[in-house]
């Protein structure tokens, strides 16, 4: 913590990982440090841009070791739900676009009369 905020920012994490000591420790737990941003976003549970000690420990415990089949199944299910929501959103936008075009055409015809 270089900012007296009782937590670690993304910059702090990147600096610590560049010194190898933290990177070696995390790699020994089976936590990849190849992408500091993704690692930080996964550990920052409340998404406030600061990882406190509790978030760091909990995040590391969640991320250590290989992914379990239940975790993979949960991610696949959440991915499926997200894809469905995006498809519904796409359909809704297409419907709104179609209705707006129809309304515009109707308005232009009425104004021409």
Foldseek 3Di string as FASTA:
>chain_A
DVPPPQFAALVRQVVVVVVVPVCVVLVVQVAHCPDSVVLVVQLCVVPPRTHHPVSVVVSSVCRGDDDDPVNVVVVVVVVVVVVVVVVVVVVVVVVVVVVVVVVVVVVVVVVVD
